[in-house]
Amino acid sequence: MTAHTLNTAKANLEKVIQNTIDTQEETMVVTDRGSVVLVEEKQWNEIVETLRLLNDRTSLTALLESIEARKKGNRIAGKSVEDLFGDE
């Protein structure tokens, strides 16, 4: 993770943003009152989706069951995206 003071980030904002996008590495902007983290938009969307799945009891249960099955060498028969999200 790259870190910048607020003054440095303000003076070089376009470069800081472009570097965050190019490297897909988080960038911290540090102030006297706290810090914020910049992330590339695609990465942020992935983080939000992961949090959503982990907060959904059904999704979390399925994930944990599949991890346990894989540890035991078993494979769970999955459903296709169409089966799960189809309009029928």
C-alpha atoms as a PDB file:
ATOM      1  CA  MET A   1       0.000   0.000   0.000  1.00  0.00           C
ATOM      2  CA  THR A   2       1.229   3.444  -0.898  1.00  0.00           C
ATOM      3  CA  ALA A   3       0.692   6.283   1.576  1.00  0.00           C
ATOM      4  CA  HIS A   4       0.605  10.037   0.989  1.00  0.00           C
ATOM      5  CA  THR A   5       0.026  13.016   3.213  1.00  0.00           C
ATOM      6  CA  LEU A   6      -3.015  15.085   2.355  1.00  0.00           C
ATOM      7  CA  ASN A   7      -0.851  17.887   0.970  1.00  0.00           C
ATOM      8  CA  THR A   8       1.104  15.516  -1.277  1.00  0.00           C
ATOM      9  CA  ALA A   9      -2.081  13.831  -2.482  1.00  0.00           C
ATOM     10  CA  LYS A  10      -3.719  17.202  -3.246  1.00  0.00           C
ATOM     11  CA  ALA A  11      -0.673  18.452  -5.133  1.00  0.00           C
ATOM     12  CA  ASN A  12      -0.475  15.259  -7.199  1.00  0.00           C
ATOM     13  CA  LEU A  13      -4.081  14.077  -7.202  1.00  0.00           C
ATOM     14  CA  GLU A  14      -4.263  13.060 -10.860  1.00  0.00           C
ATOM     15  CA  LYS A  15      -0.994  11.103 -10.573  1.00  0.00           C
ATOM     16  CA  VAL A  16      -2.074   9.473  -7.292  1.00  0.00           C
ATOM     17  CA  ILE A  17      -5.373   8.364  -8.822  1.00  0.00           C
ATOM     18  CA  GLN A  18      -3.745   7.101 -12.016  1.00  0.00           C
ATOM     19  CA  ASN A  19      -1.149   5.154 -10.024  1.00  0.00           C
ATOM     20  CA  THR A  20      -3.902   3.550  -7.946  1.00  0.00           C
ATOM     21  CA  ILE A  21      -5.707   2.510 -11.131  1.00  0.00           C
ATOM     22  CA  ASP A  22      -2.561   1.274 -12.883  1.00  0.00           C
ATOM     23  CA  THR A  23      -1.144  -0.741  -9.986  1.00  0.00           C
ATOM     24  CA  GLN A  24      -4.512  -1.828  -8.533  1.00  0.00           C
ATOM     25  CA  GLU A  25      -2.839  -1.234  -5.187  1.00  0.00           C
ATOM     26  CA  GLU A  26      -4.551   0.634  -2.384  1.00  0.00           C
ATOM     27  CA  THR A  27      -3.425   4.198  -1.730  1.00  0.00           C
ATOM     28  CA  MET A  28      -3.744   5.704   1.732  1.00  0.00           C
ATOM     29  CA  VAL A  29      -4.164   9.426   2.232  1.00  0.00           C
ATOM     30  CA  VAL A  30      -3.139  10.360   5.769  1.00  0.00           C
ATOM     31  CA  THR A  31      -4.395  13.444   7.595  1.00  0.00           C
ATOM     32  CA  ASP A  32      -4.125  14.693  11.158  1.00  0.00           C
ATOM     33  CA  ARG A  33      -7.743  13.630  11.734  1.00  0.00           C
ATOM     34  CA  GLY A  34      -7.532  10.154  10.197  1.00  0.00           C
ATOM     35  CA  SER A  35      -6.890   8.357   6.947  1.00  0.00           C
ATOM     36  CA  VAL A  36      -8.796   7.239   3.866  1.00  0.00           C
ATOM     37  CA  VAL A  37      -7.957   4.568   1.325  1.00  0.00           C
ATOM     38  CA  LEU A  38      -8.326   4.896  -2.433  1.00  0.00           C
ATOM     39  CA  VAL A  39      -8.967   1.746  -4.464  1.00  0.00           C
ATOM     40  CA  GLU A  40      -9.525   1.141  -8.157  1.00  0.00           C
ATOM     41  CA  GLU A  41     -13.263   0.956  -8.941  1.00  0.00           C
ATOM     42  CA  LYS A  42     -13.290  -2.664 -10.167  1.00  0.00           C
ATOM     43  CA  GLN A  43     -11.485  -3.736  -7.006  1.00  0.00           C
ATOM     44  CA  TRP A  44     -13.964  -1.797  -4.876  1.00  0.00           C
ATOM     45  CA  ASN A  45     -16.896  -3.474  -6.636  1.00  0.00           C
ATOM     46  CA  GLU A  46     -15.325  -6.875  -5.924  1.00  0.00           C
ATOM     47  CA  ILE A  47     -14.912  -5.968  -2.245  1.00  0.00           C
ATOM     48  CA  VAL A  48     -18.546  -4.860  -1.997  1.00  0.00           C
ATOM     49  CA  GLU A  49     -19.747  -8.064  -3.695  1.00  0.00           C
ATOM     50  CA  THR A  50     -17.649 -10.202  -1.335  1.00  0.00           C
ATOM     51  CA  LEU A  51     -19.100  -8.399   1.672  1.00  0.00           C
ATOM     52  CA  ARG A  52     -22.610  -8.855   0.297  1.00  0.00           C
ATOM     53  CA  LEU A  53     -22.070 -12.586  -0.147  1.00  0.00           C
ATOM     54  CA  LEU A  54     -20.552 -12.976   3.305  1.00  0.00           C
ATOM     55  CA  ASN A  55     -23.518 -11.147   4.842  1.00  0.00           C
ATOM     56  CA  ASP A  56     -26.022 -13.386   3.036  1.00  0.00           C
ATOM     57  CA  ARG A  57     -26.562 -16.416   5.299  1.00  0.00           C
ATOM     58  CA  THR A  58     -27.485 -18.735   2.402  1.00  0.00           C
ATOM     59  CA  SER A  59     -24.418 -17.762   0.355  1.00  0.00           C
ATOM     60  CA  LEU A  60     -22.102 -17.983   3.337  1.00  0.00           C
ATOM     61  CA  THR A  61     -23.439 -21.419   4.319  1.00  0.00           C
ATOM     62  CA  ALA A  62     -22.984 -22.709   0.768  1.00  0.00           C
ATOM     63  CA  LEU A  63     -19.448 -21.313   0.645  1.00  0.00           C
ATOM     64  CA  LEU A  64     -18.454 -22.882   3.963  1.00  0.00           C
ATOM     65  CA  GLU A  65     -19.991 -26.237   3.000  1.00  0.00           C
ATOM     66  CA  SER A  66     -18.103 -26.260  -0.286  1.00  0.00           C
ATOM     67  CA  ILE A  67     -14.822 -25.437   1.459  1.00  0.00           C
ATOM     68  CA  GLU A  68     -15.332 -28.332   3.887  1.00  0.00           C
ATOM     69  CA  ALA A  69     -16.262 -30.696   1.054  1.00  0.00           C
ATOM     70  CA  ARG A  70     -13.145 -29.698  -0.912  1.00  0.00           C
ATOM     71  CA  LYS A  71     -10.956 -30.304   2.141  1.00  0.00           C
ATOM     72  CA  LYS A  72     -12.380 -33.844   2.291  1.00  0.00           C
ATOM     73  CA  GLY A  73     -11.725 -34.366  -1.410  1.00  0.00           C
ATOM     74  CA  ASN A  74     -15.403 -34.230  -2.340  1.00  0.00           C
ATOM     75  CA  ARG A  75     -16.960 -32.174  -5.048  1.00  0.00           C
ATOM     76  CA  ILE A  76     -20.373 -30.568  -4.750  1.00  0.00           C
ATOM     77  CA  ALA A  77     -22.473 -30.630  -7.894  1.00  0.00           C
ATOM     78  CA  GLY A  78     -23.087 -27.021  -8.779  1.00  0.00           C
ATOM     79  CA  LYS A  79     -25.829 -25.277 -10.674  1.00  0.00           C
ATOM     80  CA  SER A  80     -25.305 -23.142 -13.730  1.00  0.00           C
ATOM     81  CA  VAL A  81     -25.768 -19.394 -13.633  1.00  0.00           C
ATOM     82  CA  GLU A  82     -28.854 -19.865 -15.814  1.00  0.00           C
ATOM     83  CA  ASP A  83     -30.321 -22.330 -13.291  1.00  0.00           C
ATOM     84  CA  LEU A  84     -29.732 -19.922 -10.440  1.00  0.00           C
ATOM     85  CA  PHE A  85     -30.705 -16.656 -12.069  1.00  0.00           C
ATOM     86  CA  GLY A  86     -32.828 -17.647 -15.044  1.00  0.00           C
ATOM     87  CA  ASP A  87     -36.194 -16.002 -15.625  1.00  0.00           C
ATOM     88  CA  GLU A  88     -38.132 -19.256 -15.551  1.00  0.00           C
END
